[in-house]
Amino acid sequence: MHIVEKEPKSIVAESYRTLRTNLQYSSFDGEYKVIVITSPNPTEGKSTVAGNLAISLSKGDKKVILIDCDLRKPVLHKRFKLSNATGLSDIILAKETRVIVGQRYNENLIVITGGTVPPNPSEMLGSKYMTNLIAALRELYDYVILDTPPIQLVTDAQILSAKADGTILVVKAEETKKSSVHNAIDLLRKVNANIIGIVLNGVENKGNSYYYEDGKV
C-alpha cells in the first residue's frame, strides 16, 4: 500500500499533499495536465512518487489517470495489486482510441498498467497513436500522470516529456550523483521539456523522506 494511504498523517504523506497543492495552483489554467515522472537512474523512487502523487491528486474532486509507461520493466501493477494482462502496450498495438483499457483504483483514479513487454518500446511511445492517446486522455481527465523509465538509460522519458505539459525529476538523497542530475536535466532540455520540479527522495535521516523543489533548474 502507498504511504499516503498507509500512513496518511506522516510527514511523507503531508509532503505529497504539498506537491499536490503546488501542482493544482500551478496548473490553475490547465497548464500542467499531462505530467511525466522520471529519474536519472533506476531505484530512485520515481514509481513510488508517481503512485503516491496520483493517489493524492485523486483524493479531491480531480479525475486522475496513472499510466505505466515503463514498457521494459513495468511495476505499477505490482504496486497497485492489479492485473497486467492488458496494458498500455496492448492498447497501442490495437490502435483503438475508443476503448481505453484501464483499471479503477478508487473513485477518481484509473490505472493503466504497462501490459505485454514489447520489442520496440521507444517506437511505441513515440508513435502517432501515443500522441493521440495522450490528447484524448487530456480531454477526459484533470491529470494524466506518466511513469517513465530512467532518463539516462533510454530515450522514452525524453519522448514523452516532449508531449507532456511538465516533467518532475526524482532523485535519491545521498545516492544520486550531482553529475547524473545535471545530465538528466540536459537530456530533458534537449527536447524542450518543461521541468516543473525536482523531488528529493529518501532523506529519512533528516526527518523527512521527501522534498519538492519547484523550479526552472
Protein backbone atom coordinates (compact mmCIF):
# COMPACT_ATOMS: atom_id res chain seq x y z
CA MET A 1 0.00 0.00 0.00
CA HIS A 2 1.17 3.53 -0.71
CA ILE A 3 2.25 5.69 2.18
CA VAL A 4 -0.38 8.37 1.56
CA GLU A 5 -2.93 5.66 2.43
CA LYS A 6 -0.93 3.55 4.88
CA GLU A 7 0.33 6.49 6.97
CA PRO A 8 -1.83 9.48 5.99
CA LYS A 9 -0.69 11.54 8.99
CA SER A 10 3.03 11.05 8.35
CA ILE A 11 5.43 13.78 7.26
CA VAL A 12 5.93 11.96 3.97
CA ALA A 13 2.21 11.84 3.21
CA GLU A 14 1.95 15.53 4.03
CA SER A 15 4.79 16.21 1.61
CA TYR A 16 2.84 14.52 -1.18
CA ARG A 17 -0.16 16.64 -0.33
CA THR A 18 2.07 19.70 -0.57
CA LEU A 19 3.22 18.58 -4.00
CA ARG A 20 -0.40 18.07 -4.99
CA THR A 21 -1.29 21.57 -3.82
CA ASN A 22 1.66 23.09 -5.67
CA LEU A 23 0.64 21.37 -8.88
CA GLN A 24 -3.00 22.37 -8.53
CA TYR A 25 -2.15 26.02 -8.00
CA SER A 26 0.48 25.96 -10.73
CA SER A 27 -1.98 24.36 -13.16
CA PHE A 28 -4.94 26.57 -12.33
CA ASP A 29 -5.29 27.47 -16.01
CA GLY A 30 -4.84 23.86 -17.10
CA GLU A 31 -1.16 24.27 -17.89
CA TYR A 32 0.01 21.09 -16.15
CA LYS A 33 -2.45 18.33 -17.03
CA VAL A 34 -0.04 15.79 -18.53
CA ILE A 35 2.91 15.20 -16.20
CA VAL A 36 5.92 12.94 -16.73
CA ILE A 37 7.67 11.42 -13.71
CA THR A 38 11.22 10.24 -14.35
CA SER A 39 14.60 9.86 -12.64
CA PRO A 40 18.23 9.82 -13.75
CA ASN A 41 18.78 6.20 -12.69
CA PRO A 42 16.85 3.10 -11.56
CA THR A 43 15.76 2.60 -7.91
CA GLU A 44 15.48 6.31 -7.14
CA GLY A 45 11.77 6.12 -6.38
CA LYS A 46 10.05 7.52 -9.47
CA SER A 47 7.27 4.90 -9.48
CA THR A 48 6.71 5.43 -5.76
CA VAL A 49 6.38 9.16 -6.33
CA ALA A 50 4.11 8.67 -9.35
CA GLY A 51 1.79 6.35 -7.43
CA ASN A 52 1.56 8.47 -4.29
CA LEU A 53 1.10 11.67 -6.28
CA ALA A 54 -1.70 10.12 -8.35
CA ILE A 55 -3.50 8.92 -5.22
CA SER A 56 -3.07 12.31 -3.54
CA LEU A 57 -4.50 14.12 -6.56
CA SER A 58 -7.44 11.71 -6.68
CA LYS A 59 -8.38 12.36 -3.04
CA GLY A 60 -10.06 15.61 -4.04
CA ASP A 61 -12.55 16.01 -6.84
CA LYS A 62 -9.98 15.60 -9.60
CA LYS A 63 -10.17 12.78 -12.14
CA VAL A 64 -6.74 11.20 -12.50
CA ILE A 65 -5.27 8.54 -14.77
CA LEU A 66 -1.89 6.99 -13.98
CA ILE A 67 -0.08 5.20 -16.81
CA ASP A 68 2.88 2.84 -16.54
CA CYS A 69 5.00 3.97 -19.49
CA ASP A 70 7.98 1.87 -18.44
CA LEU A 71 7.23 -0.79 -21.01
CA ARG A 72 10.55 -2.53 -20.40
CA LYS A 73 10.10 -3.06 -16.66
CA PRO A 74 6.51 -2.22 -15.68
CA VAL A 75 5.93 -2.19 -11.91
CA LEU A 76 2.73 -0.23 -11.23
CA HIS A 77 0.55 -3.35 -11.48
CA LYS A 78 2.54 -4.80 -8.57
CA ARG A 79 2.36 -1.60 -6.53
CA PHE A 80 -1.41 -1.32 -7.02
CA LYS A 81 -2.04 -5.10 -6.98
CA LEU A 82 -3.67 -5.05 -10.41
CA SER A 83 -3.68 -7.41 -13.38
CA ASN A 84 -1.11 -6.71 -16.09
CA ALA A 85 -2.76 -8.95 -18.68
CA THR A 86 -3.73 -5.94 -20.79
CA GLY A 87 -2.00 -2.58 -20.55
CA LEU A 88 -0.50 0.33 -22.45
CA SER A 89 1.49 -1.70 -24.95
CA ASP A 90 -1.63 -3.70 -25.86
CA ILE A 91 -3.68 -0.51 -26.24
CA ILE A 92 -1.10 1.00 -28.58
CA LEU A 93 -0.82 -2.22 -30.56
CA ALA A 94 -4.61 -2.36 -31.01
CA LYS A 95 -4.68 1.32 -32.10
CA GLU A 96 -8.16 1.68 -30.72
CA THR A 97 -8.85 5.16 -29.36
CA ARG A 98 -12.46 4.42 -28.45
CA VAL A 99 -11.61 1.66 -25.98
CA ILE A 100 -9.06 2.60 -23.35
CA VAL A 101 -8.36 -0.31 -21.01
CA GLY A 102 -7.79 0.99 -17.50
CA GLN A 103 -8.46 -0.39 -14.04
CA ARG A 104 -10.23 1.62 -11.36
CA TYR A 105 -8.27 2.00 -8.13
CA ASN A 106 -10.61 4.39 -6.36
CA GLU A 107 -13.49 6.67 -7.26
CA ASN A 108 -11.28 9.19 -9.06
CA LEU A 109 -8.19 7.18 -10.06
CA ILE A 110 -7.77 4.91 -13.08
CA VAL A 111 -4.52 2.99 -13.63
CA ILE A 112 -3.26 1.74 -16.97
CA THR A 113 -0.57 -0.88 -16.41
CA GLY A 114 2.34 -1.50 -18.75
CA GLY A 115 0.95 -4.64 -20.36
CA THR A 116 2.86 -7.08 -22.52
CA VAL A 117 6.56 -6.20 -22.77
CA PRO A 118 7.08 -5.22 -26.44
CA PRO A 119 10.27 -5.45 -28.54
CA ASN A 120 10.12 -1.76 -29.50
CA PRO A 121 9.07 0.39 -26.50
CA SER A 122 10.58 3.67 -27.74
CA GLU A 123 8.90 3.38 -31.12
CA MET A 124 5.55 2.66 -29.49
CA LEU A 125 5.80 5.61 -27.11
CA GLY A 126 6.89 7.90 -29.94
CA SER A 127 4.11 6.79 -32.24
CA LYS A 128 1.33 8.99 -33.56
CA TYR A 129 -1.16 6.79 -31.74
CA MET A 130 0.50 7.52 -28.40
CA THR A 131 0.29 11.24 -29.17
CA ASN A 132 -3.40 10.84 -30.00
CA LEU A 133 -3.98 8.77 -26.85
CA ILE A 134 -2.48 11.46 -24.63
CA ALA A 135 -4.59 14.09 -26.38
CA ALA A 136 -7.74 12.02 -25.81
CA LEU A 137 -6.95 11.44 -22.13
CA ARG A 138 -6.26 15.14 -21.66
CA GLU A 139 -9.91 15.79 -22.50
CA LEU A 140 -11.21 13.10 -20.15
CA TYR A 141 -9.08 13.63 -17.03
CA ASP A 142 -7.85 16.51 -14.91
CA TYR A 143 -4.42 14.92 -14.59
CA VAL A 144 -2.57 12.36 -16.71
CA ILE A 145 0.46 11.02 -14.81
CA LEU A 146 3.07 9.18 -16.89
CA ASP A 147 5.55 6.97 -15.03
CA THR A 148 8.51 6.66 -17.40
CA PRO A 149 11.87 4.81 -17.39
CA PRO A 150 15.05 6.44 -16.04
CA ILE A 151 16.10 9.12 -18.50
CA GLN A 152 19.79 8.23 -18.59
CA LEU A 153 19.09 4.65 -19.68
CA VAL A 154 16.69 5.03 -22.61
CA THR A 155 15.05 7.78 -24.64
CA ASP A 156 11.47 7.02 -23.52
CA ALA A 157 11.29 9.79 -20.90
CA GLN A 158 12.57 12.33 -23.43
CA ILE A 159 9.98 11.21 -25.98
CA LEU A 160 7.11 11.57 -23.53
CA SER A 161 8.40 14.77 -21.91
CA ALA A 162 8.18 16.40 -25.33
CA LYS A 163 4.47 15.52 -25.39
CA ALA A 164 3.75 16.49 -21.76
CA ASP A 165 2.97 19.80 -20.06
CA GLY A 166 5.58 19.28 -17.38
CA THR A 167 8.21 16.88 -16.07
CA ILE A 168 9.12 16.07 -12.47
CA LEU A 169 12.58 14.63 -11.86
CA VAL A 170 13.01 12.26 -8.89
CA VAL A 171 16.46 11.97 -7.31
CA LYS A 172 17.56 9.97 -4.27
CA ALA A 173 19.26 11.63 -1.33
CA GLU A 174 22.90 10.66 -0.79
CA GLU A 175 22.79 8.31 -3.81
CA THR A 176 22.10 10.23 -6.98
CA LYS A 177 25.29 11.90 -8.16
CA LYS A 178 25.24 15.58 -9.00
CA SER A 179 26.58 14.79 -12.45
CA SER A 180 23.61 12.46 -13.06
CA VAL A 181 21.17 15.20 -12.10
CA HIS A 182 22.82 17.69 -14.46
CA ASN A 183 22.94 15.12 -17.25
CA ALA A 184 19.25 14.28 -16.77
CA ILE A 185 18.35 17.97 -16.90
CA ASP A 186 20.43 18.42 -20.06
CA LEU A 187 18.68 15.48 -21.72
CA LEU A 188 15.27 16.95 -20.86
CA ARG A 189 16.26 20.38 -22.12
CA LYS A 190 17.34 18.89 -25.45
CA VAL A 191 13.68 18.08 -26.15
CA ASN A 192 12.45 21.37 -24.68
CA ALA A 193 10.85 19.59 -21.73
CA ASN A 194 9.24 21.83 -19.15
CA ILE A 195 10.94 20.81 -15.88
CA ILE A 196 8.44 21.88 -13.23
CA GLY A 197 10.12 20.43 -10.17
CA ILE A 198 12.56 18.06 -8.52
CA VAL A 199 11.64 15.54 -5.83
CA LEU A 200 14.42 14.60 -3.40
CA ASN A 201 13.51 11.15 -2.17
CA GLY A 202 14.82 9.17 0.80
CA VAL A 203 16.05 11.75 3.33
CA GLU A 204 14.84 9.83 6.39
CA ASN A 205 17.81 10.87 8.49
CA LYS A 206 16.63 14.47 8.20
CA GLY A 207 13.15 13.73 9.50
CA ASN A 208 11.51 13.73 6.10
CA SER A 209 11.67 11.27 3.21
CA TYR A 210 10.59 13.68 0.54
CA TYR A 211 11.29 17.19 -0.64
CA TYR A 212 9.89 19.08 -3.58
CA GLU A 213 11.58 21.96 -5.31
CA ASP A 214 9.61 23.87 -7.85
CA GLY A 215 11.86 25.21 -10.36
CA LYS A 216 13.47 26.14 -13.51
CA VAL A 217 16.77 24.46 -12.83
